Amino acid sequence: MPSLTDDIKACRLCADRFAATQTAHSPRAVVWFQKGAKVRIIGQAPGMRVHKSGLPFDDPSGDRLRDWMGLNRDAFYDQTRIAITPMGFCFPGYDAKGSDLPPPRICAETWAEHVDKFLEDTPLTLLVGGYAQARYLGRGKGVTETVKGWRDHAPRLFPLPHPSWRNTGWLKKNPWFEAELLPALQSQLTEVLSNSSAKDAP
């Protein structure tokens, strides 16, 4: 029987949409999750580099996210522990100015509830960026206010800004993020992943 991950990889709902972008690319869903993961990262959508490699967060944004989490690449890409489920599984393409297009709504409308149910027992979730936060926390606040309110959702959920280089200025203006949120996040990650290792030990 086809699995949920197989179904997502086979999806072609956005083929015409992607063909009409500046990149004129074909769909390539970057699917990186399996049952039993302890940490779920819900981001935006793959970029061109990830579209080519098939490896989520295989770019400078991923380097920054791993630094925020305190994880090396081997730990980050361990699918038995880390699930990565963006709002759009495929690279959405570029607009006429060369900027990433937003993830098509139809992707989350089609797949998000299925993935949510599949990963419903995941003890820790990171909402990375405004698209994920709007879906799971509502659209009433912007990213800054949502992330400032992280204590309202911890320790099971942490809202984060997108780790793009474009947010370097935001990080400088909001030093509390690195001083207060990240230590709490890393502590919770250590606890969740340590507990999973203990349960998996013979």
C-alpha atoms as a PDB file:
ATOM      1  CA  MET A   1       0.000   0.000   0.000  1.00  0.00           C
ATOM      2  CA  PRO A   2       1.317   3.493  -0.803  1.00  0.00           C
ATOM      3  CA  SER A   3       2.357   5.425   2.292  1.00  0.00           C
ATOM      4  CA  LEU A   4       1.626   9.065   3.112  1.00  0.00           C
ATOM      5  CA  THR A   5       5.177  10.015   2.166  1.00  0.00           C
ATOM      6  CA  ASP A   6       4.815   8.195  -1.162  1.00  0.00           C
ATOM      7  CA  ASP A   7       1.571  10.044  -1.856  1.00  0.00           C
ATOM      8  CA  ILE A   8       3.175  13.424  -1.175  1.00  0.00           C
ATOM      9  CA  LYS A   9       6.163  12.616  -3.370  1.00  0.00           C
ATOM     10  CA  ALA A  10       3.812  11.639  -6.193  1.00  0.00           C
ATOM     11  CA  CYS A  11       1.715  14.832  -5.916  1.00  0.00           C
ATOM     12  CA  ARG A  12       1.502  16.921  -9.102  1.00  0.00           C
ATOM     13  CA  LEU A  13      -1.206  19.396  -8.112  1.00  0.00           C
ATOM     14  CA  CYS A  14       1.094  22.361  -8.716  1.00  0.00           C
ATOM     15  CA  ALA A  15       2.780  21.182 -11.930  1.00  0.00           C
ATOM     16  CA  ASP A  16       1.157  23.856 -14.104  1.00  0.00           C
ATOM     17  CA  ARG A  17       1.751  26.535 -11.472  1.00  0.00           C
ATOM     18  CA  PHE A  18       5.481  25.727 -11.254  1.00  0.00           C
ATOM     19  CA  ALA A  19       5.853  25.499 -15.021  1.00  0.00           C
ATOM     20  CA  ALA A  20       4.571  29.085 -15.256  1.00  0.00           C
ATOM     21  CA  THR A  21       7.196  30.512 -12.854  1.00  0.00           C
ATOM     22  CA  GLN A  22      10.530  32.061 -13.835  1.00  0.00           C
ATOM     23  CA  THR A  23      12.251  28.746 -13.097  1.00  0.00           C
ATOM     24  CA  ALA A  24       9.726  26.635 -15.050  1.00  0.00           C
ATOM     25  CA  HIS A  25      10.551  23.646 -12.869  1.00  0.00           C
ATOM     26  CA  SER A  26       8.736  20.403 -12.181  1.00  0.00           C
ATOM     27  CA  PRO A  27       7.384  19.434  -8.759  1.00  0.00           C
ATOM     28  CA  ARG A  28       9.828  17.718  -6.423  1.00  0.00           C
ATOM     29  CA  ALA A  29       8.409  17.215  -2.966  1.00  0.00           C
ATOM     30  CA  VAL A  30      11.109  17.159  -0.298  1.00  0.00           C
ATOM     31  CA  VAL A  31       9.623  14.729   2.204  1.00  0.00           C
ATOM     32  CA  TRP A  32      11.560  14.153   5.429  1.00  0.00           C
ATOM     33  CA  PHE A  33       9.514  12.550   8.186  1.00  0.00           C
ATOM     34  CA  GLN A  34       8.551   9.215   9.623  1.00  0.00           C
ATOM     35  CA  LYS A  35       6.444   7.878  12.461  1.00  0.00           C
ATOM     36  CA  GLY A  36       7.904   8.212  15.935  1.00  0.00           C
ATOM     37  CA  ALA A  37       9.878  11.439  15.425  1.00  0.00           C
ATOM     38  CA  LYS A  38      10.471  13.411  18.621  1.00  0.00           C
ATOM     39  CA  VAL A  39      10.856  16.875  17.086  1.00  0.00           C
ATOM     40  CA  ARG A  40       8.816  18.344  14.235  1.00  0.00           C
ATOM     41  CA  ILE A  41      10.016  21.373  12.293  1.00  0.00           C
ATOM     42  CA  ILE A  42       7.287  23.138  10.310  1.00  0.00           C
ATOM     43  CA  GLY A  43       8.863  25.665   7.971  1.00  0.00           C
ATOM     44  CA  GLN A  44       7.936  27.488   4.787  1.00  0.00           C
ATOM     45  CA  ALA A  45       9.025  25.699   1.600  1.00  0.00           C
ATOM     46  CA  PRO A  46      12.239  24.431   0.013  1.00  0.00           C
ATOM     47  CA  GLY A  47      14.470  26.864  -1.853  1.00  0.00           C
ATOM     48  CA  MET A  48      16.192  26.163  -5.150  1.00  0.00           C
ATOM     49  CA  ARG A  49      19.243  24.586  -3.501  1.00  0.00           C
ATOM     50  CA  VAL A  50      17.056  22.186  -1.539  1.00  0.00           C
ATOM     51  CA  HIS A  51      14.991  21.495  -4.660  1.00  0.00           C
ATOM     52  CA  LYS A  52      18.174  20.326  -6.374  1.00  0.00           C
ATOM     53  CA  SER A  53      19.628  18.301  -3.485  1.00  0.00           C
ATOM     54  CA  GLY A  54      16.414  16.855  -2.053  1.00  0.00           C
ATOM     55  CA  LEU A  55      17.746  17.510   1.452  1.00  0.00           C
ATOM     56  CA  PRO A  56      15.700  19.929   3.612  1.00  0.00           C
ATOM     57  CA  PHE A  57      17.480  22.981   5.021  1.00  0.00           C
ATOM     58  CA  ASP A  58      20.586  22.103   2.992  1.00  0.00           C
ATOM     59  CA  ASP A  59      21.573  25.769   2.789  1.00  0.00           C
ATOM     60  CA  PRO A  60      22.799  28.685   4.938  1.00  0.00           C
ATOM     61  CA  SER A  61      19.350  28.979   6.523  1.00  0.00           C
ATOM     62  CA  GLY A  62      19.694  25.381   7.624  1.00  0.00           C
ATOM     63  CA  ASP A  63      23.121  26.104   9.089  1.00  0.00           C
ATOM     64  CA  ARG A  64      21.621  28.893  11.180  1.00  0.00           C
ATOM     65  CA  LEU A  65      18.658  26.745  12.248  1.00  0.00           C
ATOM     66  CA  ARG A  66      20.974  23.925  13.333  1.00  0.00           C
ATOM     67  CA  ASP A  67      23.001  26.450  15.304  1.00  0.00           C
ATOM     68  CA  TRP A  68      19.836  27.687  17.006  1.00  0.00           C
ATOM     69  CA  MET A  69      18.920  24.107  17.895  1.00  0.00           C
ATOM     70  CA  GLY A  70      22.428  23.141  18.981  1.00  0.00           C
ATOM     71  CA  LEU A  71      22.460  20.152  16.631  1.00  0.00           C
ATOM     72  CA  ASN A  72      25.066  18.974  14.128  1.00  0.00           C
ATOM     73  CA  ARG A  73      24.072  17.756  10.668  1.00  0.00           C
ATOM     74  CA  ASP A  74      24.026  14.074  11.624  1.00  0.00           C
ATOM     75  CA  ALA A  75      21.610  14.682  14.500  1.00  0.00           C
ATOM     76  CA  PHE A  76      19.488  17.094  12.465  1.00  0.00           C
ATOM     77  CA  TYR A  77      19.039  14.654   9.582  1.00  0.00           C
ATOM     78  CA  ASP A  78      18.163  11.634  11.751  1.00  0.00           C
ATOM     79  CA  GLN A  79      14.619  10.952  10.561  1.00  0.00           C
ATOM     80  CA  THR A  80      13.920   8.650  13.487  1.00  0.00           C
ATOM     81  CA  ARG A  81      14.089  11.748  15.706  1.00  0.00           C
ATOM     82  CA  ILE A  82      13.601  14.858  13.540  1.00  0.00           C
ATOM     83  CA  ALA A  83      10.649  15.394  11.163  1.00  0.00           C
ATOM     84  CA  ILE A  84      10.687  18.299   8.694  1.00  0.00           C
ATOM     85  CA  THR A  85       7.272  19.165   7.256  1.00  0.00           C
ATOM     86  CA  PRO A  86       7.086  22.550   5.494  1.00  0.00           C
ATOM     87  CA  MET A  87       3.914  24.381   4.561  1.00  0.00           C
ATOM     88  CA  GLY A  88       4.813  23.667   0.958  1.00  0.00           C
ATOM     89  CA  PHE A  89       6.718  20.469   0.214  1.00  0.00           C
ATOM     90  CA  CYS A  90       7.995  21.673  -3.176  1.00  0.00           C
ATOM     91  CA  PHE A  91      10.096  24.649  -4.204  1.00  0.00           C
ATOM     92  CA  PRO A  92       7.471  27.218  -5.304  1.00  0.00           C
ATOM     93  CA  GLY A  93       9.737  29.009  -7.778  1.00  0.00           C
ATOM     94  CA  TYR A  94      10.815  32.635  -8.234  1.00  0.00           C
ATOM     95  CA  ASP A  95       8.807  35.686  -9.111  1.00  0.00           C
ATOM     96  CA  ALA A  96       9.860  38.148 -11.825  1.00  0.00           C
ATOM     97  CA  LYS A  97      12.280  39.840  -9.391  1.00  0.00           C
ATOM     98  CA  GLY A  98      14.001  36.591  -8.467  1.00  0.00           C
ATOM     99  CA  SER A  99      12.459  36.269  -5.005  1.00  0.00           C
ATOM    100  CA  ASP A 100      10.986  33.038  -3.661  1.00  0.00           C
ATOM    101  CA  LEU A 101       7.260  32.744  -4.206  1.00  0.00           C
ATOM    102  CA  PRO A 102       5.114  31.830  -1.165  1.00  0.00           C
ATOM    103  CA  PRO A 103       4.171  28.187  -0.657  1.00  0.00           C
ATOM    104  CA  PRO A 104       0.958  27.423  -2.584  1.00  0.00           C
ATOM    105  CA  ARG A 105      -1.987  27.193  -0.195  1.00  0.00           C
ATOM    106  CA  ILE A 106      -3.211  24.066  -1.911  1.00  0.00           C
ATOM    107  CA  CYS A 107      -0.247  22.122  -0.515  1.00  0.00           C
ATOM    108  CA  ALA A 108      -1.165  22.673   3.133  1.00  0.00           C
ATOM    109  CA  GLU A 109      -4.862  22.388   2.317  1.00  0.00           C
ATOM    110  CA  THR A 110      -4.191  18.970   0.785  1.00  0.00           C
ATOM    111  CA  TRP A 111      -1.580  17.489   3.099  1.00  0.00           C
ATOM    112  CA  ALA A 112      -1.279  19.322   6.434  1.00  0.00           C
ATOM    113  CA  GLU A 113      -4.100  17.564   8.270  1.00  0.00           C
ATOM    114  CA  HIS A 114      -2.829  14.156   7.168  1.00  0.00           C
ATOM    115  CA  VAL A 115       0.689  14.980   8.341  1.00  0.00           C
ATOM    116  CA  ASP A 116      -0.624  16.468  11.599  1.00  0.00           C
ATOM    117  CA  LYS A 117      -2.461  13.248  12.364  1.00  0.00           C
ATOM    118  CA  PHE A 118       0.512  11.113  11.354  1.00  0.00           C
ATOM    119  CA  LEU A 119       2.807  13.059  13.714  1.00  0.00           C
ATOM    120  CA  GLU A 120       0.264  13.867  16.431  1.00  0.00           C
ATOM    121  CA  ASP A 121       2.371  12.291  19.184  1.00  0.00           C
ATOM    122  CA  THR A 122       5.479  14.363  18.448  1.00  0.00           C
ATOM    123  CA  PRO A 123       6.424  15.971  21.808  1.00  0.00           C
ATOM    124  CA  LEU A 124       8.135  19.094  20.444  1.00  0.00           C
ATOM    125  CA  THR A 125       7.233  21.262  17.440  1.00  0.00           C
ATOM    126  CA  LEU A 126       9.076  24.270  16.004  1.00  0.00           C
ATOM    127  CA  LEU A 127       7.043  26.742  13.931  1.00  0.00           C
ATOM    128  CA  VAL A 128       9.616  28.411  11.696  1.00  0.00           C
ATOM    129  CA  GLY A 129       8.400  31.607  10.040  1.00  0.00           C
ATOM    130  CA  GLY A 130       5.130  33.384   9.500  1.00  0.00           C
ATOM    131  CA  TYR A 131       3.353  30.870   7.273  1.00  0.00           C
ATOM    132  CA  ALA A 132       3.604  28.046   9.810  1.00  0.00           C
ATOM    133  CA  GLN A 133       2.734  30.350  12.701  1.00  0.00           C
ATOM    134  CA  ALA A 134      -0.329  31.716  10.908  1.00  0.00           C
ATOM    135  CA  ARG A 135      -1.686  28.231  10.276  1.00  0.00           C
ATOM    136  CA  TYR A 136      -1.097  26.788  13.715  1.00  0.00           C
ATOM    137  CA  LEU A 137      -1.391  29.856  15.959  1.00  0.00           C
ATOM    138  CA  GLY A 138      -3.698  32.115  13.956  1.00  0.00           C
ATOM    139  CA  ARG A 139      -3.130  35.271  11.917  1.00  0.00           C
ATOM    140  CA  GLY A 140      -3.734  37.864  14.635  1.00  0.00           C
ATOM    141  CA  LYS A 141      -0.081  38.679  15.284  1.00  0.00           C
ATOM    142  CA  GLY A 142       3.051  39.183  13.226  1.00  0.00           C
ATOM    143  CA  VAL A 143       6.176  37.060  13.544  1.00  0.00           C
ATOM    144  CA  THR A 144       7.891  39.354  16.053  1.00  0.00           C
ATOM    145  CA  GLU A 145       4.955  39.424  18.481  1.00  0.00           C
ATOM    146  CA  THR A 146       4.359  35.704  18.038  1.00  0.00           C
ATOM    147  CA  VAL A 147       7.974  34.832  18.778  1.00  0.00           C
ATOM    148  CA  LYS A 148       8.035  37.257  21.723  1.00  0.00           C
ATOM    149  CA  GLY A 149       5.130  35.278  23.153  1.00  0.00           C
ATOM    150  CA  TRP A 150       7.013  31.971  22.976  1.00  0.00           C
ATOM    151  CA  ARG A 151       6.471  31.296  26.692  1.00  0.00           C
ATOM    152  CA  ASP A 152       2.732  31.001  25.996  1.00  0.00           C
ATOM    153  CA  HIS A 153       3.415  27.873  23.938  1.00  0.00           C
ATOM    154  CA  ALA A 154       6.539  26.314  25.451  1.00  0.00           C
ATOM    155  CA  PRO A 155       7.683  23.681  26.192  1.00  0.00           C
ATOM    156  CA  ARG A 156       5.798  21.678  23.539  1.00  0.00           C
ATOM    157  CA  LEU A 157       5.896  24.349  20.849  1.00  0.00           C
ATOM    158  CA  PHE A 158       8.375  27.090  19.965  1.00  0.00           C
ATOM    159  CA  PRO A 159       7.705  29.778  17.324  1.00  0.00           C
ATOM    160  CA  LEU A 160      10.881  30.933  15.570  1.00  0.00           C
ATOM    161  CA  PRO A 161      11.676  33.539  12.922  1.00  0.00           C
ATOM    162  CA  HIS A 162      12.839  32.235   9.589  1.00  0.00           C
ATOM    163  CA  PRO A 163      16.605  31.565   9.819  1.00  0.00           C
ATOM    164  CA  SER A 164      17.272  33.358   6.529  1.00  0.00           C
ATOM    165  CA  TRP A 165      20.207  35.773   6.263  1.00  0.00           C
ATOM    166  CA  ARG A 166      17.553  38.428   5.586  1.00  0.00           C
ATOM    167  CA  ASN A 167      16.655  38.258   9.273  1.00  0.00           C
ATOM    168  CA  THR A 168      20.147  39.110  10.530  1.00  0.00           C
ATOM    169  CA  GLY A 169      18.972  42.648  11.240  1.00  0.00           C
ATOM    170  CA  TRP A 170      15.960  41.306  13.130  1.00  0.00           C
ATOM    171  CA  LEU A 171      18.240  39.231  15.352  1.00  0.00           C
ATOM    172  CA  LYS A 172      20.320  42.306  16.200  1.00  0.00           C
ATOM    173  CA  LYS A 173      17.202  44.285  17.094  1.00  0.00           C
ATOM    174  CA  ASN A 174      15.818  41.472  19.253  1.00  0.00           C
ATOM    175  CA  PRO A 175      18.691  40.208  21.447  1.00  0.00           C
ATOM    176  CA  TRP A 176      16.213  38.502  23.794  1.00  0.00           C
ATOM    177  CA  PHE A 177      15.766  35.819  21.130  1.00  0.00           C
ATOM    178  CA  GLU A 178      19.301  34.465  21.511  1.00  0.00           C
ATOM    179  CA  ALA A 179      19.555  35.328  25.207  1.00  0.00           C
ATOM    180  CA  GLU A 180      16.251  33.863  26.399  1.00  0.00           C
ATOM    181  CA  LEU A 181      14.413  31.776  23.812  1.00  0.00           C
ATOM    182  CA  LEU A 182      17.300  29.765  22.389  1.00  0.00           C
ATOM    183  CA  PRO A 183      18.607  28.458  25.739  1.00  0.00           C
ATOM    184  CA  ALA A 184      15.072  27.308  26.609  1.00  0.00           C
ATOM    185  CA  LEU A 185      14.670  25.689  23.202  1.00  0.00           C
ATOM    186  CA  GLN A 186      18.004  23.885  23.404  1.00  0.00           C
ATOM    187  CA  SER A 187      17.238  22.669  26.909  1.00  0.00           C
ATOM    188  CA  GLN A 188      13.900  21.245  25.787  1.00  0.00           C
ATOM    189  CA  LEU A 189      15.480  19.660  22.715  1.00  0.00           C
ATOM    190  CA  THR A 190      18.104  18.000  24.893  1.00  0.00           C
ATOM    191  CA  GLU A 191      15.419  16.639  27.222  1.00  0.00           C
ATOM    192  CA  VAL A 192      13.184  15.343  24.438  1.00  0.00           C
ATOM    193  CA  LEU A 193      15.993  13.749  22.452  1.00  0.00           C
ATOM    194  CA  SER A 194      17.665  12.296  25.551  1.00  0.00           C
ATOM    195  CA  ASN A 195      14.395  10.692  26.575  1.00  0.00           C
ATOM    196  CA  SER A 196      14.006   9.190  23.119  1.00  0.00           C
ATOM    197  CA  SER A 197      17.542   7.781  23.256  1.00  0.00           C
ATOM    198  CA  ALA A 198      16.906   6.245  26.655  1.00  0.00           C
ATOM    199  CA  LYS A 199      13.717   4.551  25.447  1.00  0.00           C
ATOM    200  CA  ASP A 200      15.491   3.205  22.368  1.00  0.00           C
ATOM    201  CA  ALA A 201      18.381   1.763  24.379  1.00  0.00           C
ATOM    202  CA  PRO A 202      18.429  -2.062  24.730  1.00  0.00           C
END
